[in-house]
Amino acid sequence: MEKWKLIPSLPSHLASSDGRVMALPTTKPMPSGGVRHYGGEPSRGVLSEGRYGFAYNGKNYRVHRLICEAFNGPAPHDDAVVMHIDENATNNRADNLQWGTQAENMRAPGFLAYCRRRGKAAPKINDDQAREIKYGGGSCAAAARKFGISPATVSNIRCGRSWKHLV
């Protein structure tokens, strides 16, 4: 059974548990009399670059982000990303979405397989290791050797340019 919930950051719209969005039905008067009806039509959005989105009042929105916000609450921190549990970016059902970090999203099995297919480097450290790098002492070179990453990556973690979600 499809459930609809109000989207906190876009209160003029509803999100569906089936991965659709809908503007709340409204009416506006016409200049020559009568009224015009707006909204009330569910939509998955427009598929672009492998994701569904739509524009409202000159701003673009990602459907998966709105649905996750409606069913899982607001983003827990500024750098939070929406993760598709089944790793299918077009499956925006509420039970398939969760908040996470970019690092968690990049460690998903499908993404790691994609990196291997493309010959790209996959992420090498986890949150606990990054936390140890950020708050541990020693030189950047020593930490880089210990975790098998570059000194520049260690420096970026310590300065807060990467792994920003660490507390």
C-alpha atoms as a PDB file:
ATOM      1  CA  MET A   1       0.000   0.000   0.000  1.00  0.00           C
ATOM      2  CA  GLU A   2       1.494   3.324  -1.072  1.00  0.00           C
ATOM      3  CA  LYS A   3       1.935   5.869   1.757  1.00  0.00           C
ATOM      4  CA  TRP A   4       2.373   9.622   1.271  1.00  0.00           C
ATOM      5  CA  LYS A   5       4.279  11.929   3.624  1.00  0.00           C
ATOM      6  CA  LEU A   6       4.982  15.653   3.629  1.00  0.00           C
ATOM      7  CA  ILE A   7       8.537  16.601   2.614  1.00  0.00           C
ATOM      8  CA  PRO A   8       9.942  18.817   5.422  1.00  0.00           C
ATOM      9  CA  SER A   9      12.273  20.882   3.198  1.00  0.00           C
ATOM     10  CA  LEU A  10       9.617  21.250   0.450  1.00  0.00           C
ATOM     11  CA  PRO A  11       6.274  21.529   2.305  1.00  0.00           C
ATOM     12  CA  SER A  12       4.325  22.105  -0.913  1.00  0.00           C
ATOM     13  CA  HIS A  13       5.071  18.511  -1.974  1.00  0.00           C
ATOM     14  CA  LEU A  14       4.414  14.962  -0.803  1.00  0.00           C
ATOM     15  CA  ALA A  15       6.694  11.919  -1.137  1.00  0.00           C
ATOM     16  CA  SER A  16       5.445   8.403  -1.711  1.00  0.00           C
ATOM     17  CA  SER A  17       6.757   5.129  -0.274  1.00  0.00           C
ATOM     18  CA  ASP A  18       6.777   3.867  -3.893  1.00  0.00           C
ATOM     19  CA  GLY A  19       9.314   6.508  -4.994  1.00  0.00           C
ATOM     20  CA  ARG A  20       7.075   9.210  -6.412  1.00  0.00           C
ATOM     21  CA  VAL A  21       6.556  12.888  -5.588  1.00  0.00           C
ATOM     22  CA  MET A  22       3.498  15.069  -5.951  1.00  0.00           C
ATOM     23  CA  ALA A  23       2.713  18.741  -5.509  1.00  0.00           C
ATOM     24  CA  LEU A  24      -0.138  19.331  -3.072  1.00  0.00           C
ATOM     25  CA  PRO A  25      -3.347  20.093  -4.973  1.00  0.00           C
ATOM     26  CA  THR A  26      -4.054  23.830  -5.055  1.00  0.00           C
ATOM     27  CA  THR A  27      -6.261  26.228  -6.983  1.00  0.00           C
ATOM     28  CA  LYS A  28      -5.535  29.758  -8.152  1.00  0.00           C
ATOM     29  CA  PRO A  29      -7.950  32.317  -9.568  1.00  0.00           C
ATOM     30  CA  MET A  30      -7.804  33.060 -13.291  1.00  0.00           C
ATOM     31  CA  PRO A  31      -7.714  36.712 -14.446  1.00  0.00           C
ATOM     32  CA  SER A  32     -10.999  36.379 -16.334  1.00  0.00           C
ATOM     33  CA  GLY A  33     -12.797  34.424 -13.634  1.00  0.00           C
ATOM     34  CA  GLY A  34     -12.842  30.790 -12.626  1.00  0.00           C
ATOM     35  CA  VAL A  35     -10.024  28.865 -11.028  1.00  0.00           C
ATOM     36  CA  ARG A  36      -7.140  26.759 -12.279  1.00  0.00           C
ATOM     37  CA  HIS A  37      -6.158  23.517 -10.539  1.00  0.00           C
ATOM     38  CA  TYR A  38      -2.472  22.728  -9.907  1.00  0.00           C
ATOM     39  CA  GLY A  39      -0.712  19.670  -8.487  1.00  0.00           C
ATOM     40  CA  GLY A  40      -2.232  16.402  -7.399  1.00  0.00           C
ATOM     41  CA  GLU A  41      -0.478  14.377 -10.130  1.00  0.00           C
ATOM     42  CA  PRO A  42       2.113  11.854  -8.834  1.00  0.00           C
ATOM     43  CA  SER A  43       5.363  11.652 -10.780  1.00  0.00           C
ATOM     44  CA  ARG A  44       8.670   9.795 -10.556  1.00  0.00           C
ATOM     45  CA  GLY A  45      10.410  12.882 -11.944  1.00  0.00           C
ATOM     46  CA  VAL A  46      12.536  13.096 -15.069  1.00  0.00           C
ATOM     47  CA  LEU A  47      15.340  10.581 -15.589  1.00  0.00           C
ATOM     48  CA  SER A  48      18.605  12.398 -16.249  1.00  0.00           C
ATOM     49  CA  GLU A  49      22.134  11.001 -15.914  1.00  0.00           C
ATOM     50  CA  GLY A  50      20.810   7.856 -14.209  1.00  0.00           C
ATOM     51  CA  ARG A  51      18.808   9.683 -11.507  1.00  0.00           C
ATOM     52  CA  TYR A  52      15.306  11.052 -11.194  1.00  0.00           C
ATOM     53  CA  GLY A  53      14.850  14.749 -10.534  1.00  0.00           C
ATOM     54  CA  PHE A  54      12.468  17.612 -11.075  1.00  0.00           C
ATOM     55  CA  ALA A  55      12.486  21.396 -11.014  1.00  0.00           C
ATOM     56  CA  TYR A  56      10.232  23.561  -8.870  1.00  0.00           C
ATOM     57  CA  ASN A  57      10.341  27.360  -8.633  1.00  0.00           C
ATOM     58  CA  GLY A  58      13.642  27.474 -10.517  1.00  0.00           C
ATOM     59  CA  LYS A  59      15.428  24.964  -8.272  1.00  0.00           C
ATOM     60  CA  ASN A  60      16.387  21.383  -9.121  1.00  0.00           C
ATOM     61  CA  TYR A  61      15.635  18.558  -6.690  1.00  0.00           C
ATOM     62  CA  ARG A  62      16.744  14.930  -6.598  1.00  0.00           C
ATOM     63  CA  VAL A  63      13.761  12.668  -5.977  1.00  0.00           C
ATOM     64  CA  HIS A  64      15.719  10.149  -3.877  1.00  0.00           C
ATOM     65  CA  ARG A  65      16.827  12.880  -1.477  1.00  0.00           C
ATOM     66  CA  LEU A  66      13.271  14.175  -0.954  1.00  0.00           C
ATOM     67  CA  ILE A  67      11.873  10.682  -0.368  1.00  0.00           C
ATOM     68  CA  CYS A  68      14.648   9.807   2.079  1.00  0.00           C
ATOM     69  CA  GLU A  69      14.016  13.043   3.964  1.00  0.00           C
ATOM     70  CA  ALA A  70      10.264  12.415   4.173  1.00  0.00           C
ATOM     71  CA  PHE A  71      10.577   8.821   5.411  1.00  0.00           C
ATOM     72  CA  ASN A  72      13.915   8.842   7.305  1.00  0.00           C
ATOM     73  CA  GLY A  73      13.990  12.398   8.633  1.00  0.00           C
ATOM     74  CA  PRO A  74      16.326  15.248   7.682  1.00  0.00           C
ATOM     75  CA  ALA A  75      19.945  14.625   6.741  1.00  0.00           C
ATOM     76  CA  PRO A  76      21.930  13.853   9.913  1.00  0.00           C
ATOM     77  CA  HIS A  77      24.779  16.176   8.860  1.00  0.00           C
ATOM     78  CA  ASP A  78      25.651  18.553   6.015  1.00  0.00           C
ATOM     79  CA  ASP A  79      27.730  15.990   4.096  1.00  0.00           C
ATOM     80  CA  ALA A  80      25.136  13.191   4.280  1.00  0.00           C
ATOM     81  CA  VAL A  81      24.304  11.398   1.035  1.00  0.00           C
ATOM     82  CA  VAL A  82      21.366   9.175   0.161  1.00  0.00           C
ATOM     83  CA  MET A  83      22.397   5.558  -0.287  1.00  0.00           C
ATOM     84  CA  HIS A  84      20.367   3.101  -2.388  1.00  0.00           C
ATOM     85  CA  ILE A  85      20.502  -0.190  -0.467  1.00  0.00           C
ATOM     86  CA  ASP A  86      20.193  -2.274  -3.640  1.00  0.00           C
ATOM     87  CA  GLU A  87      22.634   0.105  -5.422  1.00  0.00           C
ATOM     88  CA  ASN A  88      20.070   0.778  -8.171  1.00  0.00           C
ATOM     89  CA  ALA A  89      19.924   4.566  -8.522  1.00  0.00           C
ATOM     90  CA  THR A  90      16.509   4.419 -10.210  1.00  0.00           C
ATOM     91  CA  ASN A  91      14.862   2.490  -7.341  1.00  0.00           C
ATOM     92  CA  ASN A  92      13.637   5.311  -5.110  1.00  0.00           C
ATOM     93  CA  ARG A  93      11.284   3.290  -2.911  1.00  0.00           C
ATOM     94  CA  ALA A  94      11.411   4.549   0.685  1.00  0.00           C
ATOM     95  CA  ASP A  95      12.503   1.149   2.032  1.00  0.00           C
ATOM     96  CA  ASN A  96      15.502   1.183  -0.342  1.00  0.00           C
ATOM     97  CA  LEU A  97      16.914   4.543   0.828  1.00  0.00           C
ATOM     98  CA  GLN A  98      19.019   5.483   3.852  1.00  0.00           C
ATOM     99  CA  TRP A  99      21.306   8.320   4.928  1.00  0.00           C
ATOM    100  CA  GLY A 100      25.024   7.633   4.914  1.00  0.00           C
ATOM    101  CA  THR A 101      28.393   9.178   4.209  1.00  0.00           C
ATOM    102  CA  GLN A 102      30.119   9.382   0.854  1.00  0.00           C
ATOM    103  CA  ALA A 103      32.765   7.015   2.224  1.00  0.00           C
ATOM    104  CA  GLU A 104      30.118   4.420   3.120  1.00  0.00           C
ATOM    105  CA  ASN A 105      28.525   4.821  -0.291  1.00  0.00           C
ATOM    106  CA  MET A 106      31.893   4.303  -1.985  1.00  0.00           C
ATOM    107  CA  ARG A 107      32.491   1.085  -0.023  1.00  0.00           C
ATOM    108  CA  ALA A 108      29.291  -0.520  -1.343  1.00  0.00           C
ATOM    109  CA  PRO A 109      30.053  -3.795  -3.161  1.00  0.00           C
ATOM    110  CA  GLY A 110      28.626  -2.544  -6.461  1.00  0.00           C
ATOM    111  CA  PHE A 111      30.775   0.596  -6.404  1.00  0.00           C
ATOM    112  CA  LEU A 112      33.914  -1.380  -5.597  1.00  0.00           C
ATOM    113  CA  ALA A 113      33.156  -3.739  -8.503  1.00  0.00           C
ATOM    114  CA  TYR A 114      32.627  -0.692 -10.739  1.00  0.00           C
ATOM    115  CA  CYS A 115      36.044   0.678  -9.685  1.00  0.00           C
ATOM    116  CA  ARG A 116      37.717  -2.628 -10.506  1.00  0.00           C
ATOM    117  CA  ARG A 117      36.023  -2.780 -13.931  1.00  0.00           C
ATOM    118  CA  ARG A 118      37.105   0.793 -14.723  1.00  0.00           C
ATOM    119  CA  GLY A 119      40.623   0.371 -13.348  1.00  0.00           C
ATOM    120  CA  LYS A 120      40.054   3.092 -10.733  1.00  0.00           C
ATOM    121  CA  ALA A 121      41.362   3.031  -7.192  1.00  0.00           C
ATOM    122  CA  ALA A 122      38.813   2.020  -4.587  1.00  0.00           C
ATOM    123  CA  PRO A 123      38.765   3.677  -1.147  1.00  0.00           C
ATOM    124  CA  LYS A 124      41.292   2.052   1.174  1.00  0.00           C
ATOM    125  CA  ILE A 125      40.338   3.180   4.665  1.00  0.00           C
ATOM    126  CA  ASN A 126      37.210   3.144   6.788  1.00  0.00           C
ATOM    127  CA  ASP A 127      35.755   5.695   9.229  1.00  0.00           C
ATOM    128  CA  ASP A 128      37.625   4.318  12.252  1.00  0.00           C
ATOM    129  CA  GLN A 129      40.958   4.435  10.421  1.00  0.00           C
ATOM    130  CA  ALA A 130      40.271   7.977   9.177  1.00  0.00           C
ATOM    131  CA  ARG A 131      39.416   8.999  12.748  1.00  0.00           C
ATOM    132  CA  GLU A 132      42.725   7.510  13.924  1.00  0.00           C
ATOM    133  CA  ILE A 133      44.550   9.449  11.205  1.00  0.00           C
ATOM    134  CA  LYS A 134      42.781  12.700  12.071  1.00  0.00           C
ATOM    135  CA  TYR A 135      43.269  12.564  15.831  1.00  0.00           C
ATOM    136  CA  GLY A 136      46.397  10.413  16.077  1.00  0.00           C
ATOM    137  CA  GLY A 137      49.802  12.005  16.301  1.00  0.00           C
ATOM    138  CA  GLY A 138      52.877  11.451  14.226  1.00  0.00           C
ATOM    139  CA  SER A 139      53.919  12.606  10.810  1.00  0.00           C
ATOM    140  CA  CYS A 140      51.798  12.462   7.688  1.00  0.00           C
ATOM    141  CA  ALA A 141      54.375  10.178   6.089  1.00  0.00           C
ATOM    142  CA  ALA A 142      54.218   7.689   8.989  1.00  0.00           C
ATOM    143  CA  ALA A 143      50.403   7.599   8.938  1.00  0.00           C
ATOM    144  CA  ALA A 144      50.440   7.218   5.146  1.00  0.00           C
ATOM    145  CA  ARG A 145      52.767   4.191   5.384  1.00  0.00           C
ATOM    146  CA  LYS A 146      50.686   2.638   8.149  1.00  0.00           C
ATOM    147  CA  PHE A 147      47.411   2.821   6.189  1.00  0.00           C
ATOM    148  CA  GLY A 148      48.757   2.467   2.644  1.00  0.00           C
ATOM    149  CA  ILE A 149      47.589   5.887   1.451  1.00  0.00           C
ATOM    150  CA  SER A 150      49.389   9.014   0.275  1.00  0.00           C
ATOM    151  CA  PRO A 151      50.709  11.699   2.651  1.00  0.00           C
ATOM    152  CA  ALA A 152      48.484  14.195   0.800  1.00  0.00           C
ATOM    153  CA  THR A 153      45.418  12.129   1.742  1.00  0.00           C
ATOM    154  CA  VAL A 154      46.538  12.127   5.394  1.00  0.00           C
ATOM    155  CA  SER A 155      46.991  15.889   5.256  1.00  0.00           C
ATOM    156  CA  ASN A 156      43.528  16.349   3.708  1.00  0.00           C
ATOM    157  CA  ILE A 157      41.942  14.262   6.467  1.00  0.00           C
ATOM    158  CA  ARG A 158      43.761  16.159   9.236  1.00  0.00           C
ATOM    159  CA  CYS A 159      42.891  19.575   7.772  1.00  0.00           C
ATOM    160  CA  GLY A 160      39.237  18.629   7.270  1.00  0.00           C
ATOM    161  CA  ARG A 161      39.274  18.801   3.460  1.00  0.00           C
ATOM    162  CA  SER A 162      38.165  15.168   3.247  1.00  0.00           C
ATOM    163  CA  TRP A 163      36.271  12.878   5.628  1.00  0.00           C
ATOM    164  CA  LYS A 164      34.506  16.023   6.883  1.00  0.00           C
ATOM    165  CA  HIS A 165      31.826  14.036   8.703  1.00  0.00           C
ATOM    166  CA  LEU A 166      34.279  12.793  11.356  1.00  0.00           C
ATOM    167  CA  VAL A 167      33.689  14.142  14.836  1.00  0.00           C
END
